[in-house]
N, C-alpha and C. Protein backbone atom coordinates (compact mmCIF):
# COMPACT_ATOMS: atom_id res chain seq x y z
N UNK A 1 14.37 -7.23 -23.58
CA UNK A 1 14.18 -6.09 -22.71
C UNK A 1 13.20 -6.43 -21.59
N UNK A 2 12.16 -7.22 -21.85
CA UNK A 2 11.17 -7.56 -20.84
C UNK A 2 11.76 -8.39 -19.72
N UNK A 3 12.84 -9.13 -20.00
CA UNK A 3 13.44 -9.96 -18.97
C UNK A 3 14.17 -9.14 -17.91
N UNK A 4 14.43 -7.85 -18.15
CA UNK A 4 15.10 -6.99 -17.19
C UNK A 4 14.14 -6.39 -16.17
N UNK A 5 12.84 -6.50 -16.39
CA UNK A 5 11.86 -5.93 -15.48
C UNK A 5 11.77 -6.78 -14.22
N UNK A 6 11.64 -6.14 -13.07
CA UNK A 6 11.55 -6.82 -11.79
C UNK A 6 10.19 -6.54 -11.17
N UNK A 7 9.67 -7.51 -10.42
CA UNK A 7 8.41 -7.34 -9.73
C UNK A 7 8.46 -8.08 -8.41
N UNK A 8 7.84 -7.51 -7.40
CA UNK A 8 7.74 -8.19 -6.11
C UNK A 8 6.49 -9.06 -6.04
N UNK A 9 5.64 -8.98 -7.05
CA UNK A 9 4.43 -9.78 -7.10
C UNK A 9 4.80 -11.22 -7.43
N UNK A 10 4.48 -12.19 -6.56
CA UNK A 10 4.87 -13.57 -6.83
C UNK A 10 4.21 -14.17 -8.06
N UNK A 11 3.08 -13.64 -8.48
CA UNK A 11 2.42 -14.16 -9.67
C UNK A 11 3.19 -13.81 -10.94
N UNK A 12 4.01 -12.76 -10.88
CA UNK A 12 4.74 -12.31 -12.07
C UNK A 12 6.17 -12.83 -12.10
N UNK A 13 6.61 -13.55 -11.05
CA UNK A 13 7.97 -14.06 -11.00
C UNK A 13 8.00 -15.53 -11.38
N UNK A 14 9.16 -16.03 -11.62
CA UNK A 14 9.35 -17.46 -11.83
C UNK A 14 9.01 -17.90 -13.24
N UNK A 15 8.50 -19.12 -13.33
CA UNK A 15 8.32 -19.77 -14.62
C UNK A 15 7.11 -19.25 -15.39
N UNK A 16 6.28 -18.44 -14.78
CA UNK A 16 5.08 -17.96 -15.48
C UNK A 16 5.38 -17.11 -16.68
N UNK A 17 6.50 -16.37 -16.64
CA UNK A 17 6.91 -15.53 -17.75
C UNK A 17 8.36 -15.84 -18.09
N UNK A 18 8.56 -16.72 -19.00
CA UNK A 18 9.90 -17.04 -19.45
C UNK A 18 10.08 -16.51 -20.85
N UNK A 19 11.18 -15.84 -21.09
CA UNK A 19 11.48 -15.35 -22.42
C UNK A 19 12.64 -16.17 -22.97
N UNK A 20 12.44 -16.70 -24.15
CA UNK A 20 13.50 -17.49 -24.80
C UNK A 20 13.94 -16.77 -26.05
N UNK A 21 15.15 -17.04 -26.45
CA UNK A 21 15.72 -16.42 -27.66
C UNK A 21 15.78 -17.48 -28.74
N UNK A 22 14.82 -17.47 -29.68
CA UNK A 22 14.88 -18.45 -30.76
C UNK A 22 16.01 -18.15 -31.74
N UNK A 23 16.24 -19.06 -32.64
CA UNK A 23 17.36 -18.95 -33.58
C UNK A 23 17.24 -17.72 -34.47
N UNK A 24 16.01 -17.29 -34.80
CA UNK A 24 15.84 -16.16 -35.71
C UNK A 24 15.90 -14.82 -35.00
N UNK A 25 16.05 -14.77 -33.67
CA UNK A 25 16.33 -13.52 -32.98
C UNK A 25 15.18 -12.80 -32.33
N UNK A 26 13.94 -13.25 -32.44
CA UNK A 26 12.80 -12.56 -31.84
C UNK A 26 12.51 -13.14 -30.46
N UNK A 27 12.13 -12.27 -29.50
CA UNK A 27 11.75 -12.76 -28.17
C UNK A 27 10.37 -13.41 -28.25
N UNK A 28 10.22 -14.51 -27.57
CA UNK A 28 8.95 -15.22 -27.54
C UNK A 28 8.64 -15.56 -26.09
N UNK A 29 7.46 -15.19 -25.62
CA UNK A 29 7.05 -15.55 -24.26
C UNK A 29 6.34 -16.89 -24.32
N UNK A 30 6.78 -17.81 -23.49
CA UNK A 30 6.17 -19.13 -23.48
C UNK A 30 5.41 -19.33 -22.18
N UNK A 31 4.41 -20.17 -22.22
CA UNK A 31 3.63 -20.47 -21.03
C UNK A 31 4.21 -21.69 -20.33
N UNK A 32 4.18 -21.67 -19.04
CA UNK A 32 4.62 -22.84 -18.29
C UNK A 32 3.40 -23.64 -17.87
N UNK A 33 3.64 -24.78 -17.27
CA UNK A 33 2.53 -25.64 -16.87
C UNK A 33 2.00 -25.30 -15.49
N UNK A 34 2.59 -24.32 -14.78
CA UNK A 34 2.07 -23.98 -13.46
C UNK A 34 0.87 -23.06 -13.58
N UNK A 35 0.32 -22.64 -12.45
CA UNK A 35 -0.96 -21.92 -12.43
C UNK A 35 -0.80 -20.40 -12.51
N UNK A 36 0.34 -19.91 -12.90
CA UNK A 36 0.53 -18.46 -12.97
C UNK A 36 -0.12 -17.90 -14.23
N UNK A 37 -0.56 -16.65 -14.12
CA UNK A 37 -1.22 -16.01 -15.25
C UNK A 37 -0.19 -15.37 -16.16
N UNK A 38 -0.49 -15.38 -17.45
CA UNK A 38 0.32 -14.67 -18.41
C UNK A 38 -0.29 -13.29 -18.65
N UNK A 39 0.41 -12.45 -19.37
CA UNK A 39 -0.10 -11.12 -19.67
C UNK A 39 -1.39 -11.21 -20.48
N UNK A 40 -1.46 -12.17 -21.40
CA UNK A 40 -2.66 -12.35 -22.21
C UNK A 40 -3.85 -12.73 -21.32
N UNK A 41 -3.61 -13.57 -20.30
CA UNK A 41 -4.67 -13.93 -19.36
C UNK A 41 -5.18 -12.71 -18.61
N UNK A 42 -4.26 -11.85 -18.19
CA UNK A 42 -4.64 -10.64 -17.46
C UNK A 42 -5.52 -9.76 -18.34
N UNK A 43 -5.14 -9.59 -19.59
CA UNK A 43 -5.92 -8.74 -20.49
C UNK A 43 -7.30 -9.33 -20.73
N UNK A 44 -7.39 -10.62 -20.97
CA UNK A 44 -8.68 -11.27 -21.23
C UNK A 44 -9.58 -11.16 -20.00
N UNK A 45 -9.04 -11.40 -18.82
CA UNK A 45 -9.85 -11.30 -17.60
C UNK A 45 -10.29 -9.86 -17.33
N UNK A 46 -9.41 -8.91 -17.59
CA UNK A 46 -9.77 -7.51 -17.40
C UNK A 46 -10.91 -7.10 -18.31
N UNK A 47 -10.83 -7.47 -19.57
CA UNK A 47 -11.89 -7.14 -20.52
C UNK A 47 -13.19 -7.84 -20.13
N UNK A 48 -13.11 -9.09 -19.70
CA UNK A 48 -14.31 -9.83 -19.29
C UNK A 48 -15.01 -9.19 -18.11
N UNK A 49 -14.25 -8.80 -17.09
CA UNK A 49 -14.83 -8.16 -15.92
C UNK A 49 -15.39 -6.78 -16.28
N UNK A 50 -14.72 -6.08 -17.18
CA UNK A 50 -15.21 -4.78 -17.64
C UNK A 50 -16.55 -4.93 -18.37
N UNK A 51 -16.66 -5.95 -19.21
CA UNK A 51 -17.93 -6.17 -19.92
C UNK A 51 -19.06 -6.53 -18.97
N UNK A 52 -18.76 -7.31 -17.94
CA UNK A 52 -19.78 -7.62 -16.94
C UNK A 52 -20.24 -6.37 -16.21
N UNK A 53 -19.29 -5.49 -15.88
CA UNK A 53 -19.65 -4.24 -15.23
C UNK A 53 -20.49 -3.37 -16.16
N UNK A 54 -20.19 -3.38 -17.45
CA UNK A 54 -20.98 -2.61 -18.41
C UNK A 54 -22.41 -3.14 -18.51
N UNK A 55 -22.57 -4.46 -18.47
CA UNK A 55 -23.91 -5.05 -18.48
C UNK A 55 -24.67 -4.64 -17.23
N UNK A 56 -24.01 -4.70 -16.08
CA UNK A 56 -24.64 -4.25 -14.84
C UNK A 56 -24.98 -2.78 -14.87
N UNK A 57 -24.12 -1.97 -15.49
CA UNK A 57 -24.38 -0.53 -15.58
C UNK A 57 -25.62 -0.25 -16.43
N UNK A 58 -25.79 -1.02 -17.49
CA UNK A 58 -27.00 -0.86 -18.31
C UNK A 58 -28.25 -1.16 -17.50
N UNK A 59 -28.19 -2.20 -16.69
CA UNK A 59 -29.32 -2.54 -15.83
C UNK A 59 -29.55 -1.44 -14.80
N UNK A 60 -28.48 -0.94 -14.18
CA UNK A 60 -28.61 0.13 -13.19
C UNK A 60 -29.15 1.42 -13.79
N UNK A 61 -28.76 1.71 -15.04
CA UNK A 61 -29.25 2.90 -15.73
C UNK A 61 -30.77 2.86 -15.87
N UNK A 62 -31.28 1.68 -16.22
CA UNK A 62 -32.73 1.51 -16.39
C UNK A 62 -33.43 1.44 -15.05
N UNK A 63 -32.82 0.78 -14.07
CA UNK A 63 -33.47 0.53 -12.79
C UNK A 63 -33.58 1.76 -11.91
N UNK A 64 -32.74 2.77 -12.12
CA UNK A 64 -32.77 3.92 -11.22
C UNK A 64 -34.09 4.67 -11.31
N UNK A 65 -34.75 4.61 -12.44
CA UNK A 65 -36.04 5.29 -12.57
C UNK A 65 -37.14 4.59 -11.79
N UNK A 66 -36.99 3.29 -11.59
CA UNK A 66 -38.04 2.54 -10.90
C UNK A 66 -37.69 2.24 -9.45
N UNK A 67 -36.41 2.03 -9.16
CA UNK A 67 -36.03 1.65 -7.80
C UNK A 67 -34.62 2.13 -7.49
N UNK A 68 -34.53 3.32 -6.90
CA UNK A 68 -33.21 3.82 -6.53
C UNK A 68 -32.66 3.07 -5.34
N UNK A 69 -33.52 2.44 -4.54
CA UNK A 69 -33.06 1.63 -3.41
C UNK A 69 -32.26 0.43 -3.88
N UNK A 70 -32.64 -0.13 -5.02
CA UNK A 70 -31.91 -1.26 -5.58
C UNK A 70 -30.48 -0.86 -5.94
N UNK A 71 -30.33 0.31 -6.48
CA UNK A 71 -29.00 0.80 -6.86
C UNK A 71 -28.15 1.03 -5.62
N UNK A 72 -28.72 1.62 -4.59
CA UNK A 72 -27.99 1.84 -3.35
C UNK A 72 -27.60 0.53 -2.68
N UNK A 73 -28.51 -0.44 -2.68
CA UNK A 73 -28.21 -1.74 -2.08
C UNK A 73 -27.13 -2.45 -2.87
N UNK A 74 -27.16 -2.35 -4.19
CA UNK A 74 -26.12 -2.96 -5.02
C UNK A 74 -24.76 -2.35 -4.69
N UNK A 75 -24.71 -1.06 -4.48
CA UNK A 75 -23.46 -0.40 -4.12
C UNK A 75 -22.92 -0.86 -2.78
N UNK A 76 -23.81 -1.00 -1.79
CA UNK A 76 -23.37 -1.45 -0.48
C UNK A 76 -22.88 -2.90 -0.50
N UNK A 77 -23.60 -3.76 -1.23
CA UNK A 77 -23.18 -5.15 -1.33
C UNK A 77 -21.86 -5.24 -2.09
N UNK A 78 -21.70 -4.43 -3.14
CA UNK A 78 -20.44 -4.42 -3.89
C UNK A 78 -19.29 -3.98 -3.00
N UNK A 79 -19.52 -3.00 -2.13
CA UNK A 79 -18.47 -2.56 -1.22
C UNK A 79 -18.10 -3.68 -0.25
N UNK A 80 -19.09 -4.37 0.29
CA UNK A 80 -18.81 -5.49 1.19
C UNK A 80 -18.04 -6.60 0.46
N UNK A 81 -18.44 -6.89 -0.77
CA UNK A 81 -17.73 -7.90 -1.55
C UNK A 81 -16.29 -7.48 -1.84
N UNK A 82 -16.07 -6.19 -2.03
CA UNK A 82 -14.70 -5.74 -2.30
C UNK A 82 -13.79 -6.04 -1.11
N UNK A 83 -14.30 -5.90 0.11
CA UNK A 83 -13.50 -6.24 1.29
C UNK A 83 -13.27 -7.75 1.38
N UNK A 84 -14.30 -8.52 1.10
CA UNK A 84 -14.16 -9.99 1.14
C UNK A 84 -13.11 -10.44 0.12
N UNK A 85 -13.16 -9.87 -1.07
CA UNK A 85 -12.21 -10.24 -2.13
C UNK A 85 -10.80 -9.79 -1.76
N UNK A 86 -10.67 -8.56 -1.27
CA UNK A 86 -9.35 -8.01 -0.97
C UNK A 86 -8.66 -8.72 0.18
N UNK A 87 -9.42 -9.11 1.20
CA UNK A 87 -8.81 -9.70 2.38
C UNK A 87 -8.90 -11.22 2.40
N UNK A 88 -9.46 -11.81 1.37
CA UNK A 88 -9.54 -13.27 1.30
C UNK A 88 -8.19 -13.88 1.00
N UNK A 89 -8.00 -15.10 1.46
CA UNK A 89 -6.72 -15.78 1.23
C UNK A 89 -6.61 -16.33 -0.18
N UNK A 90 -7.73 -16.65 -0.79
CA UNK A 90 -7.74 -17.17 -2.16
C UNK A 90 -8.67 -16.31 -3.00
N UNK A 91 -8.40 -16.27 -4.28
CA UNK A 91 -9.26 -15.52 -5.19
C UNK A 91 -10.43 -16.40 -5.59
N UNK A 92 -11.63 -15.88 -5.42
CA UNK A 92 -12.84 -16.61 -5.78
C UNK A 92 -13.47 -15.93 -6.99
N UNK A 93 -13.35 -16.56 -8.16
CA UNK A 93 -13.86 -15.93 -9.38
C UNK A 93 -15.35 -15.58 -9.31
N UNK A 94 -16.14 -16.40 -8.64
CA UNK A 94 -17.58 -16.12 -8.55
C UNK A 94 -17.84 -14.80 -7.82
N UNK A 95 -17.04 -14.51 -6.79
CA UNK A 95 -17.20 -13.25 -6.07
C UNK A 95 -16.77 -12.06 -6.93
N UNK A 96 -15.75 -12.25 -7.73
CA UNK A 96 -15.29 -11.18 -8.63
C UNK A 96 -16.37 -10.87 -9.66
N UNK A 97 -17.01 -11.91 -10.19
CA UNK A 97 -18.09 -11.71 -11.16
C UNK A 97 -19.27 -11.00 -10.49
N UNK A 98 -19.64 -11.44 -9.29
CA UNK A 98 -20.75 -10.80 -8.58
C UNK A 98 -20.43 -9.34 -8.27
N UNK A 99 -19.19 -9.08 -7.82
CA UNK A 99 -18.78 -7.71 -7.54
C UNK A 99 -18.88 -6.84 -8.78
N UNK A 100 -18.39 -7.37 -9.90
CA UNK A 100 -18.39 -6.61 -11.14
C UNK A 100 -19.81 -6.23 -11.56
N UNK A 101 -20.71 -7.19 -11.49
CA UNK A 101 -22.11 -6.91 -11.86
C UNK A 101 -22.75 -5.91 -10.92
N UNK A 102 -22.56 -6.10 -9.61
CA UNK A 102 -23.18 -5.19 -8.64
C UNK A 102 -22.57 -3.79 -8.71
N UNK A 103 -21.27 -3.71 -8.90
CA UNK A 103 -20.64 -2.40 -9.05
C UNK A 103 -21.15 -1.70 -10.30
N UNK A 104 -21.36 -2.47 -11.36
CA UNK A 104 -21.92 -1.91 -12.58
C UNK A 104 -23.32 -1.35 -12.36
N UNK A 105 -24.14 -2.09 -11.62
CA UNK A 105 -25.50 -1.61 -11.31
C UNK A 105 -25.43 -0.30 -10.54
N UNK A 106 -24.55 -0.25 -9.55
CA UNK A 106 -24.42 0.98 -8.76
C UNK A 106 -23.92 2.14 -9.61
N UNK A 107 -22.90 1.90 -10.43
CA UNK A 107 -22.36 2.97 -11.26
C UNK A 107 -23.36 3.43 -12.32
N UNK A 108 -24.10 2.48 -12.89
CA UNK A 108 -25.12 2.85 -13.88
C UNK A 108 -26.21 3.71 -13.27
N UNK A 109 -26.64 3.35 -12.07
CA UNK A 109 -27.67 4.14 -11.40
C UNK A 109 -27.20 5.53 -11.03
N UNK A 110 -25.99 5.62 -10.49
CA UNK A 110 -25.44 6.92 -10.12
C UNK A 110 -25.21 7.77 -11.37
N UNK A 111 -24.77 7.14 -12.45
CA UNK A 111 -24.57 7.87 -13.70
C UNK A 111 -25.88 8.43 -14.22
N UNK A 112 -26.93 7.65 -14.16
CA UNK A 112 -28.25 8.13 -14.62
C UNK A 112 -28.71 9.31 -13.78
N UNK A 113 -28.46 9.23 -12.47
CA UNK A 113 -28.83 10.31 -11.57
C UNK A 113 -28.09 11.60 -11.94
N UNK A 114 -26.77 11.50 -12.17
CA UNK A 114 -25.99 12.69 -12.55
C UNK A 114 -26.40 13.22 -13.92
N UNK A 115 -26.77 12.33 -14.81
CA UNK A 115 -27.16 12.74 -16.17
C UNK A 115 -28.44 13.58 -16.14
N UNK A 116 -29.33 13.32 -15.18
CA UNK A 116 -30.56 14.11 -15.11
C UNK A 116 -30.28 15.57 -14.75
N UNK A 117 -29.19 15.82 -14.03
CA UNK A 117 -28.87 17.19 -13.64
C UNK A 117 -27.88 17.87 -14.57
N UNK A 118 -26.99 17.11 -15.17
CA UNK A 118 -25.97 17.67 -16.06
C UNK A 118 -25.94 16.86 -17.34
N UNK A 119 -26.69 17.29 -18.32
CA UNK A 119 -26.78 16.54 -19.57
C UNK A 119 -25.41 16.48 -20.26
N UNK A 120 -24.98 15.27 -20.62
CA UNK A 120 -23.74 15.06 -21.33
C UNK A 120 -22.56 14.71 -20.45
N UNK A 121 -22.71 14.78 -19.12
CA UNK A 121 -21.58 14.52 -18.23
C UNK A 121 -21.17 13.04 -18.27
N UNK A 122 -22.12 12.14 -18.47
CA UNK A 122 -21.79 10.71 -18.51
C UNK A 122 -21.01 10.38 -19.79
N UNK A 123 -21.40 10.97 -20.90
CA UNK A 123 -20.67 10.73 -22.14
C UNK A 123 -19.22 11.21 -22.03
N UNK A 124 -19.03 12.37 -21.39
CA UNK A 124 -17.67 12.88 -21.18
C UNK A 124 -16.87 11.97 -20.27
N UNK A 125 -17.49 11.48 -19.22
CA UNK A 125 -16.80 10.59 -18.28
C UNK A 125 -16.44 9.27 -18.96
N UNK A 126 -17.35 8.74 -19.76
CA UNK A 126 -17.08 7.49 -20.48
C UNK A 126 -15.95 7.66 -21.48
N UNK A 127 -15.94 8.77 -22.18
CA UNK A 127 -14.88 9.02 -23.15
C UNK A 127 -13.53 9.15 -22.46
N UNK A 128 -13.47 9.90 -21.38
CA UNK A 128 -12.22 10.04 -20.64
C UNK A 128 -11.75 8.72 -20.07
N UNK A 129 -12.66 7.93 -19.53
CA UNK A 129 -12.31 6.63 -18.99
C UNK A 129 -11.80 5.70 -20.08
N UNK A 130 -12.46 5.70 -21.23
CA UNK A 130 -12.04 4.84 -22.33
C UNK A 130 -10.65 5.21 -22.83
N UNK A 131 -10.37 6.49 -22.92
CA UNK A 131 -9.05 6.93 -23.37
C UNK A 131 -7.97 6.50 -22.38
N UNK A 132 -8.22 6.70 -21.09
CA UNK A 132 -7.25 6.29 -20.08
C UNK A 132 -7.07 4.78 -20.08
N UNK A 133 -8.15 4.03 -20.23
CA UNK A 133 -8.09 2.57 -20.25
C UNK A 133 -7.22 2.08 -21.41
N UNK A 134 -7.44 2.63 -22.58
CA UNK A 134 -6.68 2.19 -23.76
C UNK A 134 -5.21 2.58 -23.63
N UNK A 135 -4.94 3.77 -23.15
CA UNK A 135 -3.54 4.21 -22.99
C UNK A 135 -2.83 3.33 -21.97
N UNK A 136 -3.45 3.06 -20.85
CA UNK A 136 -2.82 2.24 -19.81
C UNK A 136 -2.65 0.80 -20.28
N UNK A 137 -3.61 0.30 -21.03
CA UNK A 137 -3.48 -1.06 -21.56
C UNK A 137 -2.33 -1.15 -22.55
N UNK A 138 -2.16 -0.10 -23.35
CA UNK A 138 -1.05 -0.08 -24.32
C UNK A 138 0.30 0.03 -23.61
N UNK A 139 0.33 0.80 -22.52
CA UNK A 139 1.60 0.96 -21.79
C UNK A 139 1.96 -0.32 -21.09
């Protein structure tokens, strides 16, 4: 069934995702020797970047009490990095890691700020985000 899906994304076409039919009847996805990512690679990288953002958010949560300027600067630098990453010709993993950490710092600081005015709003947002993340990952 997966072989019937079409994509215009060049990373998802070609030899990167080949499905073979073994003798016992189960579909098996095999990896090719080219540089295309598999679905497992996408999941591992997504979780890794998410964990880096969570680490940055923890730092931002603590830092907002001492330096709100740091949180604002992290947000601005993260926004600039997002443009560099989006419009760059090649993907630079170091910039993605830096963006993830800085975005986490900004989100952690903003979350702490909102939590001071509305107790419990961050827990609700985290729960809703986690549910959507798991559902979308499963789909």
